Amino acid sequence: MTTPMWRAPTDVSSAARAARDLSKFRLSAFVVSTAACGFVLGSDGDVDLSKLSCVSLGTMLCSASANTLNQAVERVPDGLMRRTAGRPLPSGRVGLGTALAFAGACGASGVYVLSEGTNATTTMLGAGNIALYAGAYTALKRVHFLNTWVGAVVGAIPPLMGWAAANEEGRLDPGAYVLAS
């Protein structure tokens, strides 16, 4: 049985659940916490709540995009495993086109929020992390052990995003690399 390309949730509650599940909301929230930690530690004592909000929202949207793209690529294998068969794509709750539209909207919005509310370094790290997770990590996941190293880099980038966002220049001081490692 194939899922219709553009099957969309039929009501607000179903749409909210699908968005939560496509974004892997709990994982994305954890990613945001690491970016926020990087921001606070890179702020030298003066935490700009407006910038912290921008880096947090932008990071959440970028993470949601990357997680949705990962699920789009892995929808067939996900359907074969009990643990992942209930996800929106393999279960048929959401069609591939709808998921890709959601991923695109989240990614574009996240990069936009980062570009308007932070700086170029943070924006490039956010966009690059979408590509690294959805591209390299997902592609290597089933075929090579190096995916673990790529995944480690993906996890190290959000604290760098926070640190870079904490200053106008997007500077990454030695402390940022200590935090990321």
Protein backbone atom coordinates (compact mmCIF):
# COMPACT_ATOMS: atom_id res chain seq x y z
CA MET A 1 0.00 0.00 0.00
CA THR A 2 1.38 3.41 -0.93
CA THR A 3 0.62 6.63 0.84
CA PRO A 4 -0.98 9.37 -1.28
CA MET A 5 1.58 12.03 -2.19
CA TRP A 6 -0.32 14.97 -0.68
CA ARG A 7 -2.37 13.40 2.11
CA ALA A 8 -2.76 16.13 4.73
CA PRO A 9 -4.19 15.96 8.25
CA THR A 10 -7.92 16.66 8.26
CA ASP A 11 -8.28 18.79 11.41
CA VAL A 12 -6.22 21.10 13.60
CA SER A 13 -5.55 18.45 16.25
CA SER A 14 -4.31 15.94 13.66
CA ALA A 15 -2.17 18.61 12.00
CA ALA A 16 -0.61 19.57 15.34
CA ARG A 17 0.17 15.92 16.14
CA ALA A 18 1.66 15.40 12.68
CA ALA A 19 3.83 18.52 13.02
CA ARG A 20 4.96 17.39 16.48
CA ASP A 21 5.83 13.92 15.18
CA LEU A 22 7.48 15.07 11.95
CA SER A 23 9.62 17.58 13.84
CA LYS A 24 10.47 15.04 16.56
CA PHE A 25 9.47 17.83 18.93
CA ARG A 26 11.13 16.46 22.08
CA LEU A 27 14.43 15.93 20.28
CA SER A 28 14.19 19.37 18.67
CA ALA A 29 13.48 20.94 22.08
CA PHE A 30 16.63 19.29 23.43
CA VAL A 31 18.60 20.67 20.47
CA VAL A 32 17.22 24.14 21.27
CA SER A 33 18.35 23.77 24.88
CA THR A 34 21.92 23.17 23.72
CA ALA A 35 21.80 26.26 21.48
CA ALA A 36 20.39 28.31 24.35
CA CYS A 37 23.16 27.05 26.62
CA GLY A 38 25.74 28.11 24.03
CA PHE A 39 24.09 31.52 23.82
CA VAL A 40 24.09 32.08 27.58
CA LEU A 41 27.70 30.91 27.97
CA GLY A 42 28.83 33.04 25.02
CA SER A 43 27.04 36.16 26.27
CA ASP A 44 29.65 37.36 28.77
CA GLY A 45 27.01 37.97 31.42
CA ASP A 46 24.55 40.12 29.44
CA VAL A 47 21.88 37.84 27.97
CA ASP A 48 19.88 39.54 25.21
CA LEU A 49 16.47 37.86 25.51
CA SER A 50 15.41 38.98 22.03
CA LYS A 51 18.42 37.33 20.39
CA LEU A 52 18.05 34.28 22.63
CA SER A 53 14.46 33.97 21.40
CA CYS A 54 15.57 34.29 17.77
CA VAL A 55 18.31 31.68 18.05
CA SER A 56 15.93 29.35 19.91
CA LEU A 57 13.09 29.70 17.40
CA GLY A 58 15.43 29.50 14.40
CA THR A 59 17.14 26.43 15.81
CA MET A 60 13.78 24.75 16.53
CA LEU A 61 12.61 25.34 12.96
CA CYS A 62 15.89 24.14 11.43
CA SER A 63 15.81 21.02 13.61
CA ALA A 64 12.17 20.37 12.66
CA SER A 65 13.11 20.64 8.97
CA ALA A 66 16.08 18.28 9.28
CA ASN A 67 14.09 15.72 11.27
CA THR A 68 11.22 15.79 8.76
CA LEU A 69 13.59 15.38 5.80
CA ASN A 70 15.24 12.45 7.60
CA GLN A 71 11.84 10.78 8.00
CA ALA A 72 10.96 11.43 4.35
CA VAL A 73 14.12 9.66 3.20
CA GLU A 74 13.65 6.79 5.65
CA ARG A 75 9.87 6.33 5.28
CA VAL A 76 10.11 2.83 3.75
CA PRO A 77 12.57 1.36 6.29
CA ASP A 78 10.63 3.12 9.08
CA GLY A 79 7.51 1.27 7.97
CA LEU A 80 9.31 -2.06 8.51
CA MET A 81 10.24 -1.50 12.14
CA ARG A 82 7.75 -1.66 14.99
CA ARG A 83 9.40 1.29 16.80
CA THR A 84 9.04 3.65 13.81
CA ALA A 85 6.04 2.27 11.88
CA GLY A 86 3.65 4.68 13.63
CA ARG A 87 5.47 7.79 12.39
CA PRO A 88 3.40 10.06 10.13
CA LEU A 89 4.80 8.91 6.77
CA PRO A 90 4.91 5.12 7.12
CA SER A 91 1.56 5.09 8.92
CA GLY A 92 -0.09 7.14 6.16
CA ARG A 93 -1.17 9.99 8.46
CA VAL A 94 0.77 12.39 6.22
CA GLY A 95 1.73 12.12 2.56
CA LEU A 96 5.27 12.66 1.28
CA GLY A 97 4.44 15.94 -0.45
CA THR A 98 2.88 17.36 2.69
CA ALA A 99 5.90 16.32 4.76
CA LEU A 100 8.30 17.87 2.24
CA ALA A 101 6.26 21.09 2.20
CA PHE A 102 6.40 21.16 6.02
CA ALA A 103 10.17 20.55 5.96
CA GLY A 104 10.68 23.30 3.39
CA ALA A 105 8.55 25.78 5.30
CA CYS A 106 10.32 25.02 8.58
CA GLY A 107 13.77 25.18 7.00
CA ALA A 108 13.15 28.43 5.12
CA SER A 109 11.52 30.01 8.18
CA GLY A 110 14.30 28.87 10.49
CA VAL A 111 17.05 30.23 8.25
CA TYR A 112 15.09 33.48 7.84
CA VAL A 113 14.64 33.91 11.62
CA LEU A 114 18.34 33.25 12.15
CA SER A 115 19.35 35.69 9.40
CA GLU A 116 17.10 38.47 10.68
CA GLY A 117 17.63 37.96 14.40
CA THR A 118 21.24 36.84 14.72
CA ASN A 119 24.19 36.98 12.29
CA ALA A 120 25.65 35.31 9.22
CA THR A 121 27.70 32.74 11.17
CA THR A 122 24.65 31.49 13.07
CA THR A 123 22.57 31.44 9.89
CA MET A 124 25.17 29.44 7.96
CA LEU A 125 25.54 26.96 10.83
CA GLY A 126 21.75 26.48 10.95
CA ALA A 127 21.38 25.96 7.20
CA GLY A 128 24.48 23.77 7.08
CA ASN A 129 23.21 21.59 9.89
CA ILE A 130 19.97 20.88 8.01
CA ALA A 131 22.03 19.72 5.03
CA LEU A 132 24.47 17.74 7.16
CA TYR A 133 21.76 15.87 9.08
CA ALA A 134 19.26 15.35 6.28
CA GLY A 135 21.95 14.70 3.70
CA ALA A 136 25.17 13.18 4.96
CA TYR A 137 23.98 11.63 8.24
CA THR A 138 20.82 10.14 6.77
CA ALA A 139 22.62 8.84 3.67
CA LEU A 140 25.36 7.18 5.72
CA LYS A 141 23.09 5.86 8.48
CA ARG A 142 22.36 2.50 6.87
CA VAL A 143 25.62 1.98 5.02
CA HIS A 144 28.64 3.17 7.02
CA PHE A 145 29.79 3.61 10.59
CA LEU A 146 31.01 7.14 9.81
CA ASN A 147 27.42 8.27 10.27
CA THR A 148 28.15 8.27 14.01
CA TRP A 149 30.89 10.85 13.53
CA VAL A 150 28.69 12.94 11.27
CA GLY A 151 25.94 12.72 13.89
CA ALA A 152 28.39 13.93 16.53
CA VAL A 153 29.16 17.01 14.43
CA VAL A 154 25.43 17.60 13.91
CA GLY A 155 24.97 17.54 17.69
CA ALA A 156 27.91 19.87 18.29
CA ILE A 157 26.66 22.60 15.95
CA PRO A 158 23.67 23.97 17.96
CA PRO A 159 25.84 25.11 20.91
CA LEU A 160 28.10 26.81 18.34
CA MET A 161 25.03 28.48 16.86
CA GLY A 162 24.07 29.83 20.27
CA TRP A 163 27.58 31.05 21.02
CA ALA A 164 27.90 32.75 17.62
CA ALA A 165 24.49 34.41 18.04
CA ALA A 166 25.55 35.89 21.39
CA ASN A 167 27.86 38.42 19.72
CA GLU A 168 27.40 40.75 16.76
CA GLU A 169 30.39 39.39 14.82
CA GLY A 170 29.34 35.75 15.07
CA ARG A 171 32.69 35.02 16.66
CA LEU A 172 33.42 31.50 17.89
CA ASP A 173 35.91 31.78 20.73
CA PRO A 174 37.86 28.78 22.11
CA GLY A 175 35.17 28.33 24.76
CA ALA A 176 32.63 27.63 22.03
CA TYR A 177 34.68 24.72 20.73
CA VAL A 178 35.17 23.36 24.24
CA LEU A 179 31.40 23.48 24.75
CA ALA A 180 30.69 21.84 21.38
CA SER A 181 33.17 19.05 21.98
